[in-house]
Amino acid sequence: MPIDRAALVAGSIRLASGVHFLVDPLGANRLWGDPSEPTPTARLLLRSMAYRDALIGGLLATAGLRGKNTRGWFLASGGADAADLLGGLSVHSELRRSQQLIGLGGAVVGIAVGLWGAARPGPKAAEPPAS
């Protein structure tokens, strides 16, 4: 079973982002373009997204390490970013420019990576031994 390096990299990035938001939510929020203190409601949503990202990223990376079919996890990853983008578009005009570029731009990149990963061919089946 060969390792799916693309899944390992993409999953590790999403996992690291999720863990960062769990361990240091204010620092992670600043890194993603918001220098201000989030409200309690925003912190709740950031924590929910952190758990989601850690879970999807961990499962994508694990599937990649095991040489399993990762297309579904790539699709879940891109779908999570699509949900973030859709939600972000409704408040686009209220976001700082840095939030628009980093947050929404990151979601667009995540969607593209998710679609690319989902469209790749699955792992090749092992060839039977020659007789």
N, C-alpha and C. Protein backbone atom coordinates (compact mmCIF):
# COMPACT_ATOMS: atom_id res chain seq x y z
N MET A 1 0.84 -1.18 0.00
CA MET A 1 0.00 0.00 0.00
C MET A 1 0.88 1.24 0.00
N PRO A 2 0.95 1.93 -1.11
CA PRO A 2 1.74 3.16 -1.14
C PRO A 2 1.03 4.29 -0.39
N ILE A 3 1.82 5.15 0.19
CA ILE A 3 1.27 6.31 0.90
C ILE A 3 0.79 7.34 -0.12
N ASP A 4 -0.37 7.91 0.13
CA ASP A 4 -0.91 8.99 -0.70
C ASP A 4 -0.38 10.29 -0.12
N ARG A 5 0.72 10.77 -0.69
CA ARG A 5 1.40 11.95 -0.14
C ARG A 5 0.53 13.20 -0.19
N ALA A 6 -0.24 13.35 -1.26
CA ALA A 6 -1.11 14.53 -1.37
C ALA A 6 -2.14 14.55 -0.24
N ALA A 7 -2.72 13.38 0.05
CA ALA A 7 -3.69 13.29 1.14
C ALA A 7 -3.02 13.53 2.48
N LEU A 8 -1.81 13.01 2.65
CA LEU A 8 -1.08 13.22 3.89
C LEU A 8 -0.78 14.70 4.11
N VAL A 9 -0.34 15.39 3.07
CA VAL A 9 -0.03 16.83 3.19
C VAL A 9 -1.30 17.63 3.43
N ALA A 10 -2.32 17.44 2.60
CA ALA A 10 -3.56 18.21 2.75
C ALA A 10 -4.22 17.93 4.10
N GLY A 11 -4.25 16.66 4.50
CA GLY A 11 -4.86 16.31 5.78
C GLY A 11 -4.07 16.88 6.95
N SER A 12 -2.75 16.85 6.86
CA SER A 12 -1.92 17.38 7.94
C SER A 12 -2.10 18.89 8.09
N ILE A 13 -2.23 19.59 6.99
CA ILE A 13 -2.45 21.05 7.05
C ILE A 13 -3.79 21.35 7.72
N ARG A 14 -4.84 20.63 7.32
CA ARG A 14 -6.16 20.86 7.91
C ARG A 14 -6.16 20.45 9.38
N LEU A 15 -5.52 19.35 9.71
CA LEU A 15 -5.41 18.91 11.11
C LEU A 15 -4.67 19.96 11.94
N ALA A 16 -3.54 20.45 11.42
CA ALA A 16 -2.75 21.45 12.15
C ALA A 16 -3.55 22.73 12.35
N SER A 17 -4.30 23.14 11.35
CA SER A 17 -5.13 24.34 11.48
C SER A 17 -6.19 24.14 12.56
N GLY A 18 -6.84 22.98 12.55
CA GLY A 18 -7.85 22.69 13.56
C GLY A 18 -7.26 22.67 14.96
N VAL A 19 -6.12 22.03 15.12
CA VAL A 19 -5.47 21.96 16.44
C VAL A 19 -5.04 23.36 16.89
N HIS A 20 -4.53 24.17 15.95
CA HIS A 20 -4.13 25.54 16.29
C HIS A 20 -5.31 26.33 16.84
N PHE A 21 -6.47 26.20 16.19
CA PHE A 21 -7.66 26.91 16.68
C PHE A 21 -8.14 26.38 18.03
N LEU A 22 -7.86 25.11 18.33
CA LEU A 22 -8.24 24.56 19.64
C LEU A 22 -7.27 25.00 20.74
N VAL A 23 -5.98 25.01 20.43
CA VAL A 23 -4.96 25.32 21.42
C VAL A 23 -4.83 26.82 21.64
N ASP A 24 -4.85 27.59 20.56
CA ASP A 24 -4.66 29.05 20.64
C ASP A 24 -5.66 29.73 19.70
N PRO A 25 -6.94 29.75 20.07
CA PRO A 25 -7.94 30.28 19.14
C PRO A 25 -7.73 31.75 18.77
N LEU A 26 -7.25 32.56 19.72
CA LEU A 26 -7.05 33.98 19.39
C LEU A 26 -5.87 34.16 18.44
N GLY A 27 -4.79 33.42 18.68
CA GLY A 27 -3.64 33.50 17.78
C GLY A 27 -3.98 32.98 16.39
N ALA A 28 -4.71 31.88 16.33
CA ALA A 28 -5.11 31.34 15.03
C ALA A 28 -6.04 32.30 14.30
N ASN A 29 -6.94 32.93 15.04
CA ASN A 29 -7.85 33.89 14.43
C ASN A 29 -7.08 35.08 13.86
N ARG A 30 -6.05 35.53 14.57
CA ARG A 30 -5.20 36.62 14.04
C ARG A 30 -4.47 36.17 12.77
N LEU A 31 -3.97 34.94 12.79
CA LEU A 31 -3.26 34.41 11.62
C LEU A 31 -4.17 34.38 10.39
N TRP A 32 -5.47 34.16 10.60
CA TRP A 32 -6.42 34.11 9.50
C TRP A 32 -7.03 35.47 9.18
N GLY A 33 -6.42 36.54 9.68
CA GLY A 33 -6.78 37.88 9.21
C GLY A 33 -7.63 38.72 10.13
N ASP A 34 -7.93 38.28 11.36
CA ASP A 34 -8.77 39.08 12.26
C ASP A 34 -7.96 39.47 13.49
N PRO A 35 -7.48 40.71 13.55
CA PRO A 35 -6.65 41.12 14.68
C PRO A 35 -7.45 41.42 15.96
N SER A 36 -8.77 41.48 15.88
CA SER A 36 -9.56 41.87 17.05
C SER A 36 -9.96 40.64 17.88
N GLU A 37 -10.41 40.91 19.09
CA GLU A 37 -10.90 39.88 20.00
C GLU A 37 -12.28 39.41 19.52
N PRO A 38 -12.44 38.10 19.23
CA PRO A 38 -13.75 37.64 18.79
C PRO A 38 -14.77 37.63 19.94
N THR A 39 -16.02 37.78 19.60
CA THR A 39 -17.09 37.72 20.59
C THR A 39 -17.23 36.28 21.08
N PRO A 40 -17.92 36.06 22.20
CA PRO A 40 -18.12 34.68 22.67
C PRO A 40 -18.79 33.79 21.62
N THR A 41 -19.75 34.33 20.89
CA THR A 41 -20.41 33.54 19.85
C THR A 41 -19.42 33.17 18.76
N ALA A 42 -18.59 34.12 18.36
CA ALA A 42 -17.58 33.85 17.33
C ALA A 42 -16.58 32.81 17.83
N ARG A 43 -16.19 32.88 19.11
CA ARG A 43 -15.27 31.89 19.66
C ARG A 43 -15.89 30.49 19.64
N LEU A 44 -17.18 30.40 19.92
CA LEU A 44 -17.88 29.12 19.85
C LEU A 44 -17.81 28.56 18.44
N LEU A 45 -18.08 29.39 17.45
CA LEU A 45 -18.05 28.95 16.06
C LEU A 45 -16.63 28.58 15.63
N LEU A 46 -15.64 29.34 16.08
CA LEU A 46 -14.25 29.02 15.77
C LEU A 46 -13.88 27.66 16.35
N ARG A 47 -14.31 27.39 17.56
CA ARG A 47 -14.01 26.11 18.20
C ARG A 47 -14.72 24.97 17.45
N SER A 48 -15.95 25.19 17.02
CA SER A 48 -16.67 24.16 16.25
C SER A 48 -15.95 23.87 14.94
N MET A 49 -15.50 24.92 14.26
CA MET A 49 -14.75 24.73 13.02
C MET A 49 -13.43 24.02 13.30
N ALA A 50 -12.83 24.31 14.45
CA ALA A 50 -11.55 23.68 14.80
C ALA A 50 -11.72 22.18 14.95
N TYR A 51 -12.75 21.75 15.67
CA TYR A 51 -13.00 20.32 15.82
C TYR A 51 -13.27 19.67 14.46
N ARG A 52 -14.06 20.34 13.64
CA ARG A 52 -14.38 19.81 12.31
C ARG A 52 -13.11 19.65 11.48
N ASP A 53 -12.27 20.70 11.47
CA ASP A 53 -11.05 20.66 10.67
C ASP A 53 -10.07 19.62 11.19
N ALA A 54 -9.95 19.50 12.51
CA ALA A 54 -9.05 18.50 13.08
C ALA A 54 -9.54 17.10 12.72
N LEU A 55 -10.83 16.87 12.79
CA LEU A 55 -11.39 15.55 12.47
C LEU A 55 -11.20 15.21 10.99
N ILE A 56 -11.61 16.10 10.10
CA ILE A 56 -11.49 15.83 8.66
C ILE A 56 -10.02 15.69 8.28
N GLY A 57 -9.18 16.59 8.79
CA GLY A 57 -7.76 16.53 8.47
C GLY A 57 -7.11 15.26 8.97
N GLY A 58 -7.43 14.87 10.19
CA GLY A 58 -6.86 13.64 10.75
C GLY A 58 -7.29 12.41 9.97
N LEU A 59 -8.55 12.35 9.59
CA LEU A 59 -9.04 11.20 8.83
C LEU A 59 -8.49 11.17 7.40
N LEU A 60 -8.33 12.34 6.79
CA LEU A 60 -7.73 12.41 5.46
C LEU A 60 -6.27 11.96 5.52
N ALA A 61 -5.52 12.46 6.49
CA ALA A 61 -4.11 12.07 6.63
C ALA A 61 -3.98 10.58 6.93
N THR A 62 -4.83 10.06 7.79
CA THR A 62 -4.78 8.64 8.14
C THR A 62 -5.08 7.76 6.93
N ALA A 63 -6.09 8.13 6.17
CA ALA A 63 -6.41 7.37 4.95
C ALA A 63 -5.24 7.41 3.98
N GLY A 64 -4.59 8.57 3.87
CA GLY A 64 -3.42 8.69 3.00
C GLY A 64 -2.26 7.82 3.46
N LEU A 65 -2.02 7.78 4.76
CA LEU A 65 -0.94 6.95 5.31
C LEU A 65 -1.20 5.46 5.08
N ARG A 66 -2.46 5.07 5.13
CA ARG A 66 -2.82 3.66 4.97
C ARG A 66 -2.98 3.25 3.52
N GLY A 67 -2.85 4.21 2.59
CA GLY A 67 -2.99 3.90 1.18
C GLY A 67 -4.42 3.62 0.77
N LYS A 68 -5.37 4.11 1.56
CA LYS A 68 -6.80 3.90 1.26
C LYS A 68 -7.28 4.94 0.25
N ASN A 69 -8.49 4.73 -0.26
CA ASN A 69 -9.10 5.68 -1.16
C ASN A 69 -9.42 6.96 -0.37
N THR A 70 -8.85 8.07 -0.77
CA THR A 70 -9.00 9.34 -0.05
C THR A 70 -9.96 10.30 -0.71
N ARG A 71 -10.55 9.90 -1.83
CA ARG A 71 -11.40 10.84 -2.57
C ARG A 71 -12.55 11.39 -1.74
N GLY A 72 -13.18 10.56 -0.94
CA GLY A 72 -14.30 11.01 -0.10
C GLY A 72 -13.85 12.02 0.95
N TRP A 73 -12.67 11.81 1.53
CA TRP A 73 -12.17 12.75 2.54
C TRP A 73 -11.75 14.06 1.90
N PHE A 74 -11.20 14.00 0.67
CA PHE A 74 -10.91 15.25 -0.04
C PHE A 74 -12.20 16.01 -0.31
N LEU A 75 -13.25 15.28 -0.69
CA LEU A 75 -14.54 15.92 -0.95
C LEU A 75 -15.11 16.53 0.33
N ALA A 76 -14.98 15.83 1.45
CA ALA A 76 -15.45 16.38 2.73
C ALA A 76 -14.66 17.64 3.09
N SER A 77 -13.36 17.62 2.84
CA SER A 77 -12.52 18.79 3.13
C SER A 77 -12.93 19.98 2.26
N GLY A 78 -13.10 19.74 0.97
CA GLY A 78 -13.54 20.82 0.08
C GLY A 78 -14.95 21.29 0.42
N GLY A 79 -15.81 20.37 0.83
CA GLY A 79 -17.17 20.74 1.22
C GLY A 79 -17.20 21.62 2.45
N ALA A 80 -16.31 21.33 3.42
CA ALA A 80 -16.22 22.18 4.61
C ALA A 80 -15.79 23.59 4.22
N ASP A 81 -14.84 23.69 3.29
CA ASP A 81 -14.41 25.01 2.84
C ASP A 81 -15.50 25.70 2.03
N ALA A 82 -16.28 24.94 1.27
CA ALA A 82 -17.39 25.54 0.52
C ALA A 82 -18.42 26.12 1.48
N ALA A 83 -18.69 25.40 2.57
CA ALA A 83 -19.62 25.92 3.58
C ALA A 83 -19.08 27.20 4.21
N ASP A 84 -17.78 27.22 4.49
CA ASP A 84 -17.16 28.42 5.06
C ASP A 84 -17.26 29.60 4.08
N LEU A 85 -17.00 29.33 2.81
CA LEU A 85 -17.07 30.39 1.80
C LEU A 85 -18.49 30.91 1.66
N LEU A 86 -19.45 30.02 1.60
CA LEU A 86 -20.86 30.43 1.47
C LEU A 86 -21.28 31.28 2.66
N GLY A 87 -20.92 30.85 3.86
CA GLY A 87 -21.23 31.64 5.05
C GLY A 87 -20.50 32.97 5.06
N GLY A 88 -19.25 32.96 4.59
CA GLY A 88 -18.47 34.19 4.55
C GLY A 88 -18.97 35.21 3.55
N LEU A 89 -19.53 34.71 2.46
CA LEU A 89 -20.04 35.64 1.44
C LEU A 89 -21.21 36.47 1.97
N SER A 90 -21.97 35.91 2.90
CA SER A 90 -23.12 36.65 3.42
C SER A 90 -22.69 37.83 4.30
N VAL A 91 -21.47 37.81 4.80
CA VAL A 91 -20.97 38.92 5.62
C VAL A 91 -19.73 39.57 4.99
N HIS A 92 -19.52 39.31 3.71
CA HIS A 92 -18.32 39.78 3.00
C HIS A 92 -18.07 41.27 3.20
N SER A 93 -19.11 42.07 3.08
CA SER A 93 -18.94 43.53 3.17
C SER A 93 -18.59 43.98 4.59
N GLU A 94 -18.84 43.14 5.59
CA GLU A 94 -18.54 43.49 6.98
C GLU A 94 -17.15 43.04 7.42
N LEU A 95 -16.48 42.26 6.59
CA LEU A 95 -15.16 41.75 6.93
C LEU A 95 -14.07 42.75 6.59
N ARG A 96 -12.99 42.73 7.37
CA ARG A 96 -11.81 43.52 7.03
C ARG A 96 -11.21 42.94 5.75
N ARG A 97 -10.43 43.77 5.08
CA ARG A 97 -9.80 43.32 3.83
C ARG A 97 -8.93 42.08 4.07
N SER A 98 -8.20 42.05 5.18
CA SER A 98 -7.35 40.90 5.48
C SER A 98 -8.18 39.64 5.67
N GLN A 99 -9.34 39.76 6.27
CA GLN A 99 -10.22 38.60 6.45
C GLN A 99 -10.77 38.12 5.10
N GLN A 100 -11.08 39.08 4.24
CA GLN A 100 -11.58 38.71 2.92
C GLN A 100 -10.52 37.95 2.14
N LEU A 101 -9.28 38.46 2.15
CA LEU A 101 -8.21 37.83 1.38
C LEU A 101 -7.77 36.50 1.97
N ILE A 102 -7.51 36.48 3.27
CA ILE A 102 -6.97 35.28 3.89
C ILE A 102 -8.07 34.25 4.15
N GLY A 103 -9.14 34.66 4.81
CA GLY A 103 -10.20 33.72 5.16
C GLY A 103 -10.95 33.18 3.97
N LEU A 104 -11.50 34.09 3.18
CA LEU A 104 -12.28 33.65 2.02
C LEU A 104 -11.38 33.11 0.91
N GLY A 105 -10.19 33.72 0.75
CA GLY A 105 -9.23 33.20 -0.23
C GLY A 105 -8.76 31.80 0.13
N GLY A 106 -8.54 31.57 1.43
CA GLY A 106 -8.16 30.24 1.89
C GLY A 106 -9.24 29.22 1.62
N ALA A 107 -10.50 29.63 1.76
CA ALA A 107 -11.61 28.72 1.48
C ALA A 107 -11.64 28.35 -0.01
N VAL A 108 -11.37 29.31 -0.87
CA VAL A 108 -11.35 29.04 -2.32
C VAL A 108 -10.24 28.04 -2.64
N VAL A 109 -9.06 28.24 -2.06
CA VAL A 109 -7.96 27.30 -2.27
C VAL A 109 -8.34 25.92 -1.73
N GLY A 110 -8.96 25.87 -0.56
CA GLY A 110 -9.38 24.60 0.02
C GLY A 110 -10.39 23.87 -0.83
N ILE A 111 -11.32 24.61 -1.43
CA ILE A 111 -12.30 23.99 -2.33
C ILE A 111 -11.59 23.40 -3.54
N ALA A 112 -10.66 24.16 -4.11
CA ALA A 112 -9.93 23.67 -5.28
C ALA A 112 -9.13 22.41 -4.95
N VAL A 113 -8.46 22.39 -3.81
CA VAL A 113 -7.70 21.20 -3.41
C VAL A 113 -8.64 20.02 -3.19
N GLY A 114 -9.78 20.28 -2.54
CA GLY A 114 -10.75 19.22 -2.30
C GLY A 114 -11.28 18.62 -3.59
N LEU A 115 -11.62 19.47 -4.54
CA LEU A 115 -12.13 18.98 -5.82
C LEU A 115 -11.05 18.23 -6.60
N TRP A 116 -9.83 18.77 -6.56
CA TRP A 116 -8.71 18.10 -7.23
C TRP A 116 -8.49 16.71 -6.62
N GLY A 117 -8.46 16.64 -5.30
CA GLY A 117 -8.23 15.37 -4.63
C GLY A 117 -9.35 14.37 -4.88
N ALA A 118 -10.58 14.86 -4.93
CA ALA A 118 -11.73 13.98 -5.17
C ALA A 118 -11.76 13.48 -6.61
N ALA A 119 -11.21 14.25 -7.53
CA ALA A 119 -11.24 13.87 -8.95
C ALA A 119 -10.09 12.94 -9.33
N ARG A 120 -9.10 12.80 -8.46
CA ARG A 120 -7.97 11.91 -8.78
C ARG A 120 -8.43 10.46 -8.82
N PRO A 121 -7.73 9.63 -9.58
CA PRO A 121 -8.09 8.22 -9.56
C PRO A 121 -7.80 7.61 -8.18
N GLY A 122 -8.57 6.59 -7.83
CA GLY A 122 -8.37 5.91 -6.55
C GLY A 122 -7.09 5.09 -6.57
N PRO A 123 -6.76 4.50 -5.42
CA PRO A 123 -5.54 3.69 -5.37
C PRO A 123 -5.66 2.48 -6.30
N LYS A 124 -4.53 2.13 -6.89
CA LYS A 124 -4.52 0.99 -7.80
C LYS A 124 -4.59 -0.31 -7.00
N ALA A 125 -5.35 -1.22 -7.53
CA ALA A 125 -5.46 -2.54 -6.89
C ALA A 125 -4.15 -3.29 -7.07
N ALA A 126 -3.79 -4.05 -6.09
CA ALA A 126 -2.56 -4.84 -6.18
C ALA A 126 -2.69 -5.85 -7.31
N GLU A 127 -1.63 -5.99 -8.08
CA GLU A 127 -1.65 -6.95 -9.19
C GLU A 127 -1.48 -8.36 -8.63
N PRO A 128 -2.20 -9.32 -9.21
CA PRO A 128 -2.04 -10.69 -8.72
C PRO A 128 -0.64 -11.21 -9.06
N PRO A 129 -0.09 -12.09 -8.23
CA PRO A 129 1.25 -12.60 -8.52
C PRO A 129 1.24 -13.37 -9.83
N ALA A 130 2.36 -13.28 -10.54
CA ALA A 130 2.50 -13.98 -11.80
C ALA A 130 2.61 -15.48 -11.53
N SER A 131 1.96 -16.28 -12.38
CA SER A 131 2.01 -17.73 -12.14
C SER A 131 2.99 -18.42 -13.02
